[in-house]
Every structure is written in C-alpha cells, then in structure tokens.
C-alpha atoms as a PDB file:
ATOM      1  CA  MET A   1      -2.296  -6.183 -17.332  1.00  0.00           C
ATOM      2  CA  LEU A   2      -5.732  -7.746 -18.558  1.00  0.00           C
ATOM      3  CA  VAL A   3      -9.144  -5.340 -19.968  1.00  0.00           C
ATOM      4  CA  ALA A   4     -11.913  -6.880 -20.370  1.00  0.00           C
ATOM      5  CA  TYR A   5     -14.684  -4.585 -22.370  1.00  0.00           C
ATOM      6  CA  ILE A   6     -18.238  -4.895 -23.634  1.00  0.00           C
ATOM      7  CA  ASP A   7     -18.192  -3.418 -27.251  1.00  0.00           C
ATOM      8  CA  GLU A   8     -15.039  -1.093 -27.243  1.00  0.00           C
ATOM      9  CA  ASP A   9     -15.794  -0.106 -23.461  1.00  0.00           C
ATOM     10  CA  PRO A  10     -13.042  -0.554 -20.740  1.00  0.00           C
ATOM     11  CA  VAL A  11     -15.765  -2.011 -18.283  1.00  0.00           C
ATOM     12  CA  GLY A  12     -12.647  -3.918 -16.160  1.00  0.00           C
ATOM     13  CA  CYS A  13      -9.100  -5.558 -15.556  1.00  0.00           C
ATOM     14  CA  GLY A  14      -6.711  -7.041 -12.965  1.00  0.00           C
ATOM     15  CA  ALA A  15      -3.104  -7.673 -13.323  1.00  0.00           C
ATOM     16  CA  LEU A  16      -0.057 -10.300 -12.314  1.00  0.00           C
ATOM     17  CA  LYS A  17       2.660  -9.281 -10.198  1.00  0.00           C
ATOM     18  CA  GLU A  18       5.777 -12.027  -9.707  1.00  0.00           C
ATOM     19  CA  TYR A  19       6.246 -11.829  -6.252  1.00  0.00           C
ATOM     20  CA  ASP A  20       8.455 -14.541  -6.549  1.00  0.00           C
ATOM     21  CA  THR A  21      10.278 -16.903  -9.384  1.00  0.00           C
ATOM     22  CA  THR A  22       7.532 -19.227  -8.040  1.00  0.00           C
ATOM     23  CA  ILE A  23       4.623 -17.198  -7.063  1.00  0.00           C
ATOM     24  CA  ILE A  24       2.525 -14.358  -8.485  1.00  0.00           C
ATOM     25  CA  GLU A  25       0.215 -11.871  -7.418  1.00  0.00           C
ATOM     26  CA  ILE A  26      -2.723 -10.887  -8.531  1.00  0.00           C
ATOM     27  CA  LYS A  27      -4.064  -7.273  -8.090  1.00  0.00           C
ATOM     28  CA  ARG A  28      -6.203  -4.457  -9.001  1.00  0.00           C
ATOM     29  CA  MET A  29      -8.998  -6.755  -9.680  1.00  0.00           C
ATOM     30  CA  TYR A  30     -11.935  -4.463 -10.738  1.00  0.00           C
ATOM     31  CA  VAL A  31     -15.238  -4.583 -12.430  1.00  0.00           C
ATOM     32  CA  HIS A  32     -17.308  -1.150 -13.116  1.00  0.00           C
ATOM     33  CA  PRO A  33     -19.915  -0.984 -10.986  1.00  0.00           C
ATOM     34  CA  ASN A  34     -22.269  -0.634 -13.685  1.00  0.00           C
ATOM     35  CA  HIS A  35     -21.322  -4.359 -15.090  1.00  0.00           C
ATOM     36  CA  ARG A  36     -21.193  -5.982 -11.799  1.00  0.00           C
ATOM     37  CA  GLY A  37     -23.520  -9.419 -10.841  1.00  0.00           C
ATOM     38  CA  LYS A  38     -22.505 -10.076 -15.133  1.00  0.00           C
ATOM     39  CA  GLY A  39     -20.015 -12.915 -13.660  1.00  0.00           C
ATOM     40  CA  LEU A  40     -17.226 -10.463 -15.013  1.00  0.00           C
ATOM     41  CA  SER A  41     -14.871 -11.013 -12.088  1.00  0.00           C
ATOM     42  CA  LYS A  42     -14.645 -14.645 -12.998  1.00  0.00           C
ATOM     43  CA  ALA A  43     -13.993 -14.349 -16.327  1.00  0.00           C
ATOM     44  CA  ILE A  44     -11.518 -12.194 -15.647  1.00  0.00           C
ATOM     45  CA  LEU A  45      -9.869 -13.900 -12.230  1.00  0.00           C
ATOM     46  CA  MET A  46      -9.979 -17.466 -14.277  1.00  0.00           C
ATOM     47  CA  ALA A  47      -8.222 -16.028 -17.094  1.00  0.00           C
ATOM     48  CA  LEU A  48      -5.431 -14.105 -15.027  1.00  0.00           C
ATOM     49  CA  THR A  49      -4.933 -17.211 -12.969  1.00  0.00           C
ATOM     50  CA  THR A  50      -5.019 -19.444 -16.541  1.00  0.00           C
ATOM     51  CA  TRP A  51      -2.361 -17.242 -17.470  1.00  0.00           C
ATOM     52  CA  ALA A  52      -0.486 -17.897 -14.488  1.00  0.00           C
ATOM     53  CA  LYS A  53      -0.509 -21.180 -14.601  1.00  0.00           C
ATOM     54  CA  GLU A  54       1.330 -21.222 -18.362  1.00  0.00           C
ATOM     55  CA  LEU A  55       4.194 -18.129 -17.213  1.00  0.00           C
ATOM     56  CA  GLY A  56       4.559 -21.512 -15.090  1.00  0.00           C
ATOM     57  CA  TYR A  57       4.114 -20.299 -11.681  1.00  0.00           C
ATOM     58  CA  LEU A  58       2.880 -22.773  -9.353  1.00  0.00           C
ATOM     59  CA  LYS A  59       0.550 -20.500  -6.482  1.00  0.00           C
ATOM     60  CA  CYS A  60      -1.085 -17.331  -7.090  1.00  0.00           C
ATOM     61  CA  ILE A  61      -1.889 -14.948  -3.918  1.00  0.00           C
ATOM     62  CA  LEU A  62      -3.891 -11.201  -3.711  1.00  0.00           C
ATOM     63  CA  GLU A  63      -4.476  -9.149  -0.573  1.00  0.00           C
ATOM     64  CA  THR A  64      -8.376  -7.420   0.218  1.00  0.00           C
ATOM     65  CA  GLY A  65      -9.773  -6.022   2.183  1.00  0.00           C
ATOM     66  CA  GLU A  66     -12.237  -7.410   4.997  1.00  0.00           C
ATOM     67  CA  GLN A  67     -14.627  -4.893   4.050  1.00  0.00           C
ATOM     68  CA  MET A  68     -14.418  -6.006   0.077  1.00  0.00           C
ATOM     69  CA  THR A  69     -17.140  -8.906   1.388  1.00  0.00           C
ATOM     70  CA  GLU A  70     -17.850  -9.641  -2.619  1.00  0.00           C
ATOM     71  CA  ALA A  71     -14.297  -9.912  -3.799  1.00  0.00           C
ATOM     72  CA  ILE A  72     -13.620 -12.263  -0.598  1.00  0.00           C
ATOM     73  CA  ALA A  73     -17.048 -14.307  -2.277  1.00  0.00           C
ATOM     74  CA  LEU A  74     -15.199 -14.836  -5.806  1.00  0.00           C
ATOM     75  CA  TYR A  75     -11.693 -15.612  -4.033  1.00  0.00           C
ATOM     76  CA  LYS A  76     -13.914 -18.669  -2.031  1.00  0.00           C
ATOM     77  CA  ARG A  77     -15.493 -19.400  -4.844  1.00  0.00           C
ATOM     78  CA  ASN A  78     -12.564 -20.139  -7.369  1.00  0.00           C
ATOM     79  CA  GLY A  79      -9.996 -22.129  -4.946  1.00  0.00           C
ATOM     80  CA  PHE A  80      -8.099 -19.675  -2.571  1.00  0.00           C
ATOM     81  CA  GLU A  81      -7.640 -19.898   0.765  1.00  0.00           C
ATOM     82  CA  ILE A  82      -7.369 -17.504   3.704  1.00  0.00           C
ATOM     83  CA  ILE A  83      -3.473 -17.342   4.921  1.00  0.00           C
ATOM     84  CA  PRO A  84      -1.685 -14.996   6.628  1.00  0.00           C
ATOM     85  CA  ASN A  85      -1.128 -11.489   5.619  1.00  0.00           C
ATOM     86  CA  TYR A  86       2.737 -11.117   3.666  1.00  0.00           C
ATOM     87  CA  GLY A  87       4.809  -8.988   2.939  1.00  0.00           C
ATOM     88  CA  GLN A  88       3.436  -5.106   2.801  1.00  0.00           C
ATOM     89  CA  TYR A  89       0.197  -6.506   3.911  1.00  0.00           C
ATOM     90  CA  ALA A  90       1.643  -8.230   7.105  1.00  0.00           C
ATOM     91  CA  GLU A  91       0.550  -6.132   9.846  1.00  0.00           C
ATOM     92  CA  ILE A  92      -2.316  -4.299   7.890  1.00  0.00           C
ATOM     93  CA  GLU A  93      -5.073  -5.609  10.436  1.00  0.00           C
ATOM     94  CA  ASP A  94      -7.933  -4.981   7.439  1.00  0.00           C
ATOM     95  CA  SER A  95      -6.172  -7.008   4.698  1.00  0.00           C
ATOM     96  CA  ILE A  96      -7.302 -10.576   4.124  1.00  0.00           C
ATOM     97  CA  CYS A  97      -4.421 -12.576   2.160  1.00  0.00           C
ATOM     98  CA  PHE A  98      -5.343 -15.803  -0.188  1.00  0.00           C
ATOM     99  CA  GLU A  99      -3.426 -18.181  -1.937  1.00  0.00           C
ATOM    100  CA  LYS A 100      -4.396 -20.899  -5.105  1.00  0.00           C
ATOM    101  CA  GLN A 101      -2.363 -23.419  -6.244  1.00  0.00           C
ATOM    102  CA  LEU A 102      -2.018 -24.016  -9.504  1.00  0.00           C
ATOM    103  CA  TRP A 103      -0.422 -26.960 -10.325  1.00  0.00           C
ATOM    104  CA  LYS A 104      -1.669 -29.134  -7.374  1.00  0.00           C
ATOM    105  CA  ALA A 105      -0.195 -32.845  -8.367  1.00  0.00           C
ATOM    106  CA  LEU A 106       2.995 -31.583  -8.975  1.00  0.00           C
ATOM    107  CA  GLY A 107       4.941 -33.745  -7.359  1.00  0.00           C
ATOM    108  CA  SER A 108       2.796 -36.465  -8.890  1.00  0.00           C
ATOM    109  CA  VAL A 109       3.429 -35.697 -12.417  1.00  0.00           C
ATOM    110  CA  LYS A 110       7.005 -35.526 -11.884  1.00  0.00           C
ATOM    111  CA  GLN A 111       7.533 -38.771 -10.270  1.00  0.00           C
ATOM    112  CA  THR A 112       5.237 -39.866 -12.816  1.00  0.00           C
ATOM    113  CA  VAL A 113       7.310 -38.559 -15.495  1.00  0.00           C
ATOM    114  CA  SER A 114      10.647 -40.164 -14.243  1.00  0.00           C
ATOM    115  CA  LEU A 115       9.111 -43.973 -14.647  1.00  0.00           C
ATOM    116  CA  SER A 116       7.977 -43.768 -17.282  1.00  0.00           C
ATOM    117  CA  SER A 117      11.622 -43.026 -18.619  1.00  0.00           C
ATOM    118  CA  LYS A 118      12.988 -45.726 -16.895  1.00  0.00           C
END
C-alpha cells in the first residue's frame, strides 16, 4: 500500500495486489476531495506502476466504475487501455477495466540479450 501525505496528513492512497505471476492489480486509488486537482492521483498512479515494474510484473490491471469520469480520464491519459471486464468484474455492467503493459519491448530485449551473448 502507498499513502500520500501533505505535511503529516494522509491525503491519498493506492495499493497493489497480485493477480497472477505476471499481472498486478491496482486497488483502492483515492485522493481526499480537498486535495484533488493537484496532481496527486497521477503521482500515486505513477508510483504504483513504477513499483509494479520494479517488482517484475509485466502488466497492471485495474477496475473503476463508469460513473468515475475523472478516474477514467486519468487512466487513459497515463497509458491505460480499456479491456474486457476480468475476474470478479466480468458480469458487472457498470465496471470498466483497464490494463497497461509495463514492459512493451520485453521480447526485443530478450532477443538483444541472446544475440549479444554469442
């Protein structure tokens, strides 16, 4: 879990939960209403995706409600793409699920490593 502070006051949070060995789910993104519009949501989202990448995951997924228009815009602006609803959200009509590839060039990196070792 990540908690964002201003001075000593917690003002936002987000968490990571392993979905499988290569995919991690972003959970509980939240910024207190008094602190919205200051870039905290983006900072939390970027910190979580960086952390997921450092942990070696290939992809982040997340879910939000269709009424959460600001969250949807945040995810789209930051490279997340809408995907079919997954897992527990598969049958929930007002859920919107997203994913972001963390290692887009992974195949070419592996290929370069094997070519350079010859």
